[in-house]
Amino acid sequence: MRLALEAAGFVLQEAADAEQGLKLARSSTPDCILLDYGLPDAEGLEVLESLRQQGGTLPCAVVMLTGPEPRMLQPQR
């Protein structure tokens, strides 16, 4: 995914885990966040909730996805 986005001209910033990702999201102004459901140190939905608690609304669009491990996910509001 990274290669395709960079080839299309997008500038990416990447975090290895939830803690790094939250710090990055708070210290920059991303246009979009690609968020994995299964991070090494937290569930993606927990990270999403932390982003929401920053000010009531999300700072940008968030697209959630997961890797090759198939999991059944409940729709979230």
Protein backbone atom coordinates (compact mmCIF):
# COMPACT_ATOMS: atom_id res chain seq x y z
CA MET A 1 0.00 0.00 0.00
CA ARG A 2 2.81 2.36 0.90
CA LEU A 3 4.46 2.01 -2.52
CA ALA A 4 1.20 2.62 -4.38
CA LEU A 5 0.36 5.73 -2.35
CA GLU A 6 3.84 7.18 -2.70
CA ALA A 7 3.84 6.45 -6.44
CA ALA A 8 0.57 8.40 -6.66
CA GLY A 9 2.29 11.40 -5.07
CA PHE A 10 1.07 11.11 -1.47
CA VAL A 11 3.41 12.05 1.38
CA LEU A 12 3.18 9.45 4.13
CA GLN A 13 4.10 9.36 7.79
CA GLU A 14 4.13 5.97 9.46
CA ALA A 15 3.90 4.80 13.07
CA ALA A 16 4.89 1.35 14.31
CA ASP A 17 2.28 1.20 17.06
CA ALA A 18 -0.72 2.98 18.60
CA GLU A 19 1.31 5.16 20.96
CA GLN A 20 3.48 6.49 18.13
CA GLY A 21 0.45 6.95 15.89
CA LEU A 22 -1.45 9.00 18.45
CA LYS A 23 1.57 11.23 19.04
CA LEU A 24 1.98 11.71 15.30
CA ALA A 25 -1.71 12.50 14.77
CA ARG A 26 -1.63 15.06 17.58
CA SER A 27 1.58 16.76 16.44
CA SER A 28 0.69 17.07 12.76
CA THR A 29 -2.35 17.82 10.65
CA PRO A 30 -2.99 14.72 8.54
CA ASP A 31 -5.50 14.80 5.70
CA CYS A 32 -6.33 11.14 6.31
CA ILE A 33 -5.35 8.37 8.73
CA LEU A 34 -5.06 4.75 7.64
CA LEU A 35 -5.60 2.80 10.85
CA ASP A 36 -5.06 -0.93 11.32
CA TYR A 37 -7.61 -2.80 13.45
CA GLY A 38 -4.87 -4.91 15.04
CA LEU A 39 -1.89 -2.91 16.30
CA PRO A 40 0.90 -4.40 18.44
CA ASP A 41 -0.03 -2.38 21.53
CA ALA A 42 -3.77 -1.65 21.12
CA GLU A 43 -6.87 -2.36 19.09
CA GLY A 44 -7.52 0.10 16.28
CA LEU A 45 -10.94 0.92 17.71
CA GLU A 46 -9.27 2.04 20.95
CA VAL A 47 -7.02 4.34 18.94
CA LEU A 48 -10.04 5.69 17.07
CA GLU A 49 -11.75 6.46 20.37
CA SER A 50 -8.62 8.25 21.63
CA LEU A 51 -8.60 10.36 18.47
CA ARG A 52 -12.26 11.24 19.02
CA GLN A 53 -11.61 12.31 22.61
CA GLN A 54 -9.16 14.99 21.41
CA GLY A 55 -11.95 17.44 20.83
CA GLY A 56 -15.20 15.65 20.19
CA THR A 57 -14.64 15.24 16.46
CA LEU A 58 -11.97 13.51 14.47
CA PRO A 59 -9.25 15.76 13.05
CA CYS A 60 -9.56 14.15 9.60
CA ALA A 61 -10.94 11.17 7.71
CA VAL A 62 -9.97 7.78 9.18
CA VAL A 63 -9.92 4.63 7.04
CA MET A 64 -9.71 1.42 9.06
CA LEU A 65 -8.32 -1.77 7.60
CA THR A 66 -6.63 -4.95 8.63
CA GLY A 67 -3.92 -7.26 7.35
CA PRO A 68 -4.21 -10.78 5.97
CA GLU A 69 -5.71 -12.26 9.15
CA PRO A 70 -9.48 -12.57 8.52
CA ARG A 71 -11.62 -11.39 11.43
CA MET A 72 -15.31 -10.78 11.84
CA LEU A 73 -15.90 -7.15 12.76
CA GLN A 74 -19.00 -5.49 14.10
CA PRO A 75 -20.10 -2.25 12.43
CA GLN A 76 -19.08 0.75 14.55
CA ARG A 77 -20.75 4.14 14.90
